[in-house]
Every structure is written in structure tokens, then in C-alpha cells.
C-alpha atoms as a PDB file:
ATOM      1  CA  UNK A   1       5.843 -25.645 -22.668  1.00  0.00           C
ATOM      2  CA  UNK A   2       4.588 -22.488 -20.795  1.00  0.00           C
ATOM      3  CA  UNK A   3       4.938 -22.574 -17.073  1.00  0.00           C
ATOM      4  CA  UNK A   4       8.129 -24.674 -17.026  1.00  0.00           C
ATOM      5  CA  UNK A   5      10.929 -23.365 -14.800  1.00  0.00           C
ATOM      6  CA  UNK A   6      13.789 -21.906 -16.791  1.00  0.00           C
ATOM      7  CA  UNK A   7      16.998 -24.139 -17.136  1.00  0.00           C
ATOM      8  CA  UNK A   8      20.134 -23.518 -15.162  1.00  0.00           C
ATOM      9  CA  UNK A   9      21.741 -21.300 -18.077  1.00  0.00           C
ATOM     10  CA  UNK A  10      18.492 -19.092 -18.348  1.00  0.00           C
ATOM     11  CA  UNK A  11      18.600 -18.628 -14.335  1.00  0.00           C
ATOM     12  CA  UNK A  12      22.203 -17.652 -14.251  1.00  0.00           C
ATOM     13  CA  UNK A  13      21.752 -15.171 -17.121  1.00  0.00           C
ATOM     14  CA  UNK A  14      18.638 -13.764 -15.341  1.00  0.00           C
ATOM     15  CA  UNK A  15      20.633 -13.665 -11.977  1.00  0.00           C
ATOM     16  CA  UNK A  16      23.720 -12.014 -13.687  1.00  0.00           C
ATOM     17  CA  UNK A  17      21.290  -9.380 -15.285  1.00  0.00           C
ATOM     18  CA  UNK A  18      19.799  -8.591 -11.868  1.00  0.00           C
ATOM     19  CA  UNK A  19      22.963  -8.456 -10.219  1.00  0.00           C
ATOM     20  CA  UNK A  20      24.188  -6.011 -12.596  1.00  0.00           C
ATOM     21  CA  UNK A  21      21.124  -3.796 -12.503  1.00  0.00           C
ATOM     22  CA  UNK A  22      21.224  -3.976  -8.581  1.00  0.00           C
ATOM     23  CA  UNK A  23      24.917  -2.802  -8.505  1.00  0.00           C
ATOM     24  CA  UNK A  24      24.438  -0.146 -11.042  1.00  0.00           C
ATOM     25  CA  UNK A  25      21.207   1.472  -9.046  1.00  0.00           C
ATOM     26  CA  UNK A  26      23.117   1.169  -5.838  1.00  0.00           C
ATOM     27  CA  UNK A  27      25.992   3.036  -7.314  1.00  0.00           C
ATOM     28  CA  UNK A  28      23.929   5.551  -9.067  1.00  0.00           C
ATOM     29  CA  UNK A  29      22.320   6.336  -5.782  1.00  0.00           C
ATOM     30  CA  UNK A  30      25.746   6.594  -3.630  1.00  0.00           C
ATOM     31  CA  UNK A  31      27.790   8.383  -6.391  1.00  0.00           C
ATOM     32  CA  UNK A  32      25.323   9.853  -8.784  1.00  0.00           C
ATOM     33  CA  UNK A  33      24.287   8.854 -12.231  1.00  0.00           C
ATOM     34  CA  UNK A  34      26.825  10.852 -14.035  1.00  0.00           C
ATOM     35  CA  UNK A  35      29.717  10.106 -11.639  1.00  0.00           C
ATOM     36  CA  UNK A  36      29.320   6.417 -12.070  1.00  0.00           C
ATOM     37  CA  UNK A  37      30.976   4.629 -14.979  1.00  0.00           C
ATOM     38  CA  UNK A  38      29.957   1.361 -16.508  1.00  0.00           C
ATOM     39  CA  UNK A  39      33.457   0.057 -15.308  1.00  0.00           C
ATOM     40  CA  UNK A  40      32.527   0.658 -11.547  1.00  0.00           C
ATOM     41  CA  UNK A  41      29.246  -1.085 -12.177  1.00  0.00           C
ATOM     42  CA  UNK A  42      30.997  -4.016 -13.919  1.00  0.00           C
ATOM     43  CA  UNK A  43      33.623  -4.201 -11.017  1.00  0.00           C
ATOM     44  CA  UNK A  44      30.991  -4.420  -8.174  1.00  0.00           C
ATOM     45  CA  UNK A  45      28.861  -7.001 -10.374  1.00  0.00           C
ATOM     46  CA  UNK A  46      31.995  -9.141 -10.757  1.00  0.00           C
ATOM     47  CA  UNK A  47      31.343  -8.908 -14.488  1.00  0.00           C
ATOM     48  CA  UNK A  48      33.524  -7.561 -17.608  1.00  0.00           C
ATOM     49  CA  UNK A  49      32.658  -4.253 -19.080  1.00  0.00           C
ATOM     50  CA  UNK A  50      31.454  -6.047 -22.227  1.00  0.00           C
ATOM     51  CA  UNK A  51      29.141  -8.142 -20.298  1.00  0.00           C
ATOM     52  CA  UNK A  52      27.311  -5.243 -18.807  1.00  0.00           C
ATOM     53  CA  UNK A  53      26.545  -4.100 -22.263  1.00  0.00           C
ATOM     54  CA  UNK A  54      25.535  -7.789 -23.219  1.00  0.00           C
ATOM     55  CA  UNK A  55      22.786  -7.414 -20.963  1.00  0.00           C
ATOM     56  CA  UNK A  56      22.095  -3.524 -20.968  1.00  0.00           C
ATOM     57  CA  UNK A  57      22.785  -1.868 -24.445  1.00  0.00           C
ATOM     58  CA  UNK A  58      23.123   1.589 -22.601  1.00  0.00           C
ATOM     59  CA  UNK A  59      24.056   3.033 -19.462  1.00  0.00           C
ATOM     60  CA  UNK A  60      20.344   4.468 -19.174  1.00  0.00           C
ATOM     61  CA  UNK A  61      18.764   0.972 -19.602  1.00  0.00           C
ATOM     62  CA  UNK A  62      20.409  -0.154 -16.709  1.00  0.00           C
ATOM     63  CA  UNK A  63      17.765   1.845 -14.988  1.00  0.00           C
ATOM     64  CA  UNK A  64      15.052   1.840 -17.284  1.00  0.00           C
ATOM     65  CA  UNK A  65      15.013  -1.838 -18.465  1.00  0.00           C
ATOM     66  CA  UNK A  66      12.582  -4.163 -16.888  1.00  0.00           C
ATOM     67  CA  UNK A  67       9.924  -6.785 -17.938  1.00  0.00           C
ATOM     68  CA  UNK A  68       6.868  -5.431 -16.052  1.00  0.00           C
ATOM     69  CA  UNK A  69       4.842  -4.965 -19.124  1.00  0.00           C
ATOM     70  CA  UNK A  70       5.468  -8.337 -20.490  1.00  0.00           C
ATOM     71  CA  UNK A  71       4.582  -9.798 -16.942  1.00  0.00           C
ATOM     72  CA  UNK A  72       1.468  -7.621 -16.763  1.00  0.00           C
ATOM     73  CA  UNK A  73       0.377  -8.748 -20.081  1.00  0.00           C
ATOM     74  CA  UNK A  74       0.937 -12.474 -19.247  1.00  0.00           C
ATOM     75  CA  UNK A  75      -0.781 -12.020 -15.729  1.00  0.00           C
ATOM     76  CA  UNK A  76      -3.888 -10.332 -17.478  1.00  0.00           C
ATOM     77  CA  UNK A  77      -4.244 -12.950 -20.082  1.00  0.00           C
ATOM     78  CA  UNK A  78      -4.014 -15.527 -17.357  1.00  0.00           C
ATOM     79  CA  UNK A  79      -7.508 -14.199 -15.798  1.00  0.00           C
ATOM     80  CA  UNK A  80     -10.738 -15.802 -16.739  1.00  0.00           C
ATOM     81  CA  UNK A  81     -12.013 -15.195 -20.044  1.00  0.00           C
ATOM     82  CA  UNK A  82     -15.232 -13.557 -18.929  1.00  0.00           C
ATOM     83  CA  UNK A  83     -13.777 -10.875 -16.328  1.00  0.00           C
ATOM     84  CA  UNK A  84     -14.090  -7.374 -17.324  1.00  0.00           C
ATOM     85  CA  UNK A  85     -11.179  -5.472 -18.205  1.00  0.00           C
ATOM     86  CA  UNK A  86     -10.566  -3.446 -15.144  1.00  0.00           C
ATOM     87  CA  UNK A  87     -11.096  -6.347 -13.142  1.00  0.00           C
ATOM     88  CA  UNK A  88      -8.507  -8.473 -15.035  1.00  0.00           C
ATOM     89  CA  UNK A  89      -6.118  -5.453 -15.124  1.00  0.00           C
ATOM     90  CA  UNK A  90      -6.501  -4.943 -11.226  1.00  0.00           C
ATOM     91  CA  UNK A  91      -5.786  -8.798 -10.484  1.00  0.00           C
ATOM     92  CA  UNK A  92      -2.862  -8.749 -12.905  1.00  0.00           C
ATOM     93  CA  UNK A  93      -1.267  -5.703 -11.135  1.00  0.00           C
ATOM     94  CA  UNK A  94      -1.844  -7.395  -7.828  1.00  0.00           C
ATOM     95  CA  UNK A  95       0.040 -10.702  -9.338  1.00  0.00           C
ATOM     96  CA  UNK A  96       2.768  -8.694 -10.766  1.00  0.00           C
ATOM     97  CA  UNK A  97       3.522  -6.227  -7.936  1.00  0.00           C
ATOM     98  CA  UNK A  98       3.379  -9.129  -5.512  1.00  0.00           C
ATOM     99  CA  UNK A  99       6.263 -10.613  -7.347  1.00  0.00           C
ATOM    100  CA  UNK A 100       8.388  -7.581  -7.649  1.00  0.00           C
ATOM    101  CA  UNK A 101      11.231  -6.635  -5.503  1.00  0.00           C
ATOM    102  CA  UNK A 102       9.311  -3.458  -4.993  1.00  0.00           C
ATOM    103  CA  UNK A 103      12.098  -1.415  -3.259  1.00  0.00           C
ATOM    104  CA  UNK A 104      14.366  -1.995  -6.337  1.00  0.00           C
ATOM    105  CA  UNK A 105      11.519  -0.956  -8.705  1.00  0.00           C
ATOM    106  CA  UNK A 106      11.021   2.227  -6.328  1.00  0.00           C
ATOM    107  CA  UNK A 107      14.697   3.007  -6.389  1.00  0.00           C
ATOM    108  CA  UNK A 108      14.732   3.012 -10.218  1.00  0.00           C
ATOM    109  CA  UNK A 109      11.750   4.808 -10.429  1.00  0.00           C
ATOM    110  CA  UNK A 110      13.226   7.724  -8.213  1.00  0.00           C
ATOM    111  CA  UNK A 111      16.470   7.601 -10.174  1.00  0.00           C
ATOM    112  CA  UNK A 112      14.330   8.053 -13.323  1.00  0.00           C
ATOM    113  CA  UNK A 113      12.384  11.211 -11.993  1.00  0.00           C
ATOM    114  CA  UNK A 114      15.722  12.834 -10.726  1.00  0.00           C
ATOM    115  CA  UNK A 115      18.099  12.378 -13.886  1.00  0.00           C
ATOM    116  CA  UNK A 116      16.783  14.116 -16.945  1.00  0.00           C
ATOM    117  CA  UNK A 117      18.728  11.847 -19.346  1.00  0.00           C
ATOM    118  CA  UNK A 118      16.929   8.647 -17.616  1.00  0.00           C
ATOM    119  CA  UNK A 119      13.410  10.500 -17.857  1.00  0.00           C
ATOM    120  CA  UNK A 120      14.183  11.019 -21.483  1.00  0.00           C
ATOM    121  CA  UNK A 121      15.181   7.368 -21.958  1.00  0.00           C
ATOM    122  CA  UNK A 122      12.170   6.128 -19.959  1.00  0.00           C
ATOM    123  CA  UNK A 123       9.730   7.623 -22.463  1.00  0.00           C
ATOM    124  CA  UNK A 124       9.793   4.631 -24.897  1.00  0.00           C
ATOM    125  CA  UNK A 125       9.063   2.296 -21.991  1.00  0.00           C
ATOM    126  CA  UNK A 126       6.279   4.562 -20.781  1.00  0.00           C
ATOM    127  CA  UNK A 127       4.571   4.668 -24.035  1.00  0.00           C
ATOM    128  CA  UNK A 128       4.854   0.728 -24.386  1.00  0.00           C
ATOM    129  CA  UNK A 129       3.204   0.449 -21.236  1.00  0.00           C
ATOM    130  CA  UNK A 130       0.231   2.542 -22.345  1.00  0.00           C
ATOM    131  CA  UNK A 131       0.209   0.462 -25.510  1.00  0.00           C
ATOM    132  CA  UNK A 132       0.244  -2.853 -23.636  1.00  0.00           C
ATOM    133  CA  UNK A 133      -2.839  -1.448 -21.272  1.00  0.00           C
ATOM    134  CA  UNK A 134      -4.584  -0.604 -24.710  1.00  0.00           C
ATOM    135  CA  UNK A 135      -4.100  -3.916 -26.249  1.00  0.00           C
ATOM    136  CA  UNK A 136      -5.126  -5.801 -23.027  1.00  0.00           C
ATOM    137  CA  UNK A 137      -8.421  -3.721 -22.929  1.00  0.00           C
ATOM    138  CA  UNK A 138      -8.855  -4.078 -26.506  1.00  0.00           C
ATOM    139  CA  UNK A 139      -8.779  -7.915 -26.211  1.00  0.00           C
ATOM    140  CA  UNK A 140     -11.000  -8.088 -23.233  1.00  0.00           C
ATOM    141  CA  UNK A 141     -13.468  -5.846 -24.799  1.00  0.00           C
ATOM    142  CA  UNK A 142     -12.930  -7.551 -28.318  1.00  0.00           C
ATOM    143  CA  UNK A 143     -12.896  -4.161 -29.903  1.00  0.00           C
ATOM    144  CA  UNK A 144      -9.949  -2.588 -32.035  1.00  0.00           C
ATOM    145  CA  UNK A 145      -7.218  -0.705 -30.120  1.00  0.00           C
ATOM    146  CA  UNK A 146      -8.466   2.581 -31.957  1.00  0.00           C
ATOM    147  CA  UNK A 147     -12.244   2.164 -30.238  1.00  0.00           C
ATOM    148  CA  UNK A 148     -12.946   5.250 -28.146  1.00  0.00           C
ATOM    149  CA  UNK A 149     -14.254   2.870 -25.516  1.00  0.00           C
ATOM    150  CA  UNK A 150     -10.988   0.903 -25.320  1.00  0.00           C
ATOM    151  CA  UNK A 151      -8.634   4.273 -25.551  1.00  0.00           C
ATOM    152  CA  UNK A 152     -10.679   5.792 -22.667  1.00  0.00           C
ATOM    153  CA  UNK A 153     -10.500   2.696 -20.377  1.00  0.00           C
ATOM    154  CA  UNK A 154      -6.835   2.240 -21.088  1.00  0.00           C
ATOM    155  CA  UNK A 155      -5.893   5.706 -20.976  1.00  0.00           C
ATOM    156  CA  UNK A 156      -7.837   5.914 -17.508  1.00  0.00           C
ATOM    157  CA  UNK A 157      -5.907   2.878 -16.144  1.00  0.00           C
ATOM    158  CA  UNK A 158      -2.480   4.532 -17.613  1.00  0.00           C
ATOM    159  CA  UNK A 159      -3.227   7.712 -16.016  1.00  0.00           C
ATOM    160  CA  UNK A 160      -3.914   6.138 -12.633  1.00  0.00           C
ATOM    161  CA  UNK A 161      -0.753   4.180 -12.997  1.00  0.00           C
ATOM    162  CA  UNK A 162       1.312   7.005 -13.797  1.00  0.00           C
ATOM    163  CA  UNK A 163      -0.022   9.199 -11.032  1.00  0.00           C
ATOM    164  CA  UNK A 164       0.678   6.466  -8.648  1.00  0.00           C
ATOM    165  CA  UNK A 165       4.056   5.782  -9.623  1.00  0.00           C
ATOM    166  CA  UNK A 166       4.946   9.778  -9.277  1.00  0.00           C
ATOM    167  CA  UNK A 167       3.732   9.653  -6.088  1.00  0.00           C
ATOM    168  CA  UNK A 168       5.519   6.583  -4.976  1.00  0.00           C
ATOM    169  CA  UNK A 169       8.959   8.157  -6.513  1.00  0.00           C
ATOM    170  CA  UNK A 170       8.442  11.160  -4.087  1.00  0.00           C
ATOM    171  CA  UNK A 171       7.249   9.183  -0.956  1.00  0.00           C
ATOM    172  CA  UNK A 172       9.168   6.047  -0.384  1.00  0.00           C
ATOM    173  CA  UNK A 173       6.879   5.137   2.384  1.00  0.00           C
ATOM    174  CA  UNK A 174       3.860   4.942   0.151  1.00  0.00           C
ATOM    175  CA  UNK A 175       2.383   1.296  -0.505  1.00  0.00           C
ATOM    176  CA  UNK A 176       2.233   1.791  -4.248  1.00  0.00           C
ATOM    177  CA  UNK A 177       0.442  -1.628  -4.706  1.00  0.00           C
ATOM    178  CA  UNK A 178      -2.214  -0.701  -2.335  1.00  0.00           C
ATOM    179  CA  UNK A 179      -2.747   2.758  -3.640  1.00  0.00           C
ATOM    180  CA  UNK A 180      -2.964   1.488  -7.212  1.00  0.00           C
ATOM    181  CA  UNK A 181      -5.484  -1.247  -6.322  1.00  0.00           C
ATOM    182  CA  UNK A 182      -7.450   1.605  -4.284  1.00  0.00           C
ATOM    183  CA  UNK A 183      -7.306   3.996  -7.269  1.00  0.00           C
ATOM    184  CA  UNK A 184      -8.276   1.375  -9.766  1.00  0.00           C
ATOM    185  CA  UNK A 185     -11.255   0.328  -7.578  1.00  0.00           C
ATOM    186  CA  UNK A 186     -12.455   4.020  -7.555  1.00  0.00           C
ATOM    187  CA  UNK A 187     -12.299   4.066 -11.387  1.00  0.00           C
ATOM    188  CA  UNK A 188     -14.481   0.827 -11.600  1.00  0.00           C
END
């Protein structure tokens, strides 16, 4: 049933995954991405090299992998059915960003922008985010994803999101959640 708390095994897996990613990002920041080995990450997280790759199929995915798109979709779909798309998305972003370890997300974003291999590896995730936004807008408008109105609104939200994320990576003091909400309010 949806909304049930995950079992102990699932929570332990999630904790292990989070610890591996947290140690990876810390080591990448301290030593540099290229200078940090997966073995060092495994040692820091207290797991085996194989365990790291069980959770993260590539070294790049240690930084680029997250579930924000799925969480955003769930939060948007939880909004009242009659709520217009932009209002539903704003509320969903507020929910998801309120639940995130925002400092960890910002550190990962800064790494993505500073390491060419990570920037390239993040492109599928960036595209997936655009696709999720398009799907959510299409659902709210009850129109196909290829509809010009859907594409225009989803593309505008995506542009705002990307712009705020780029600014946030460059300025760690920026309140990304507030900036995103204010920019989306202007879009409305």
C-alpha cells in the first residue's frame, strides 16, 4: 500500500546507498574527482568495492544518481486534481526541496558543473527531468505531451529550474528553493 513506511531491509539499503554517495562526494571535493578511487570510497563508507557498484553502476553515478524526478512526480500527482499545472508544480517543488538534504544536492550539482565527465553523465538525468515535467504538465492539462501548450509550459518550467540550479552551483549561499519558487511565481 502506498504511504507505508519501508521495512528494515529497505531502510538499511537506503542508508547504505546514502552513505556511499555522501562519502563519494566528500572525497571528490577533498581530493578531486579523478584522484579519488572507488576503493577509497568503499573504505570510507565501510563497504566492499562490489557493494559500491551494486548501488551505483558507474563512478559518475555516485554523483549524478538521485530520485528527485520520481519524488517530484509523486508530489505533483498528490496535488488536488483541479489545481492548474504551474501551481501544482510549485507546490510539488516546495514539498520535494523541503525533504532534500539541500547541502548535499548543492555539492553534487557543483561537482557536475566542474567535472566534464560528470556534466556529460548528467545529460540523461537532465533530459529525464524535462520529460517528467512535460508528462506532469500534459496530465494536468489533459493534453498530449507533444501539444504546443504542454511543451511551452513544461519548457518554461524546465528553463527556470535549470537557471536556478546553475546559479545555485555558482553561489552556495543562494536559497535555491526560494529562488525557484519566486521565479515560478513570476512565470505564472
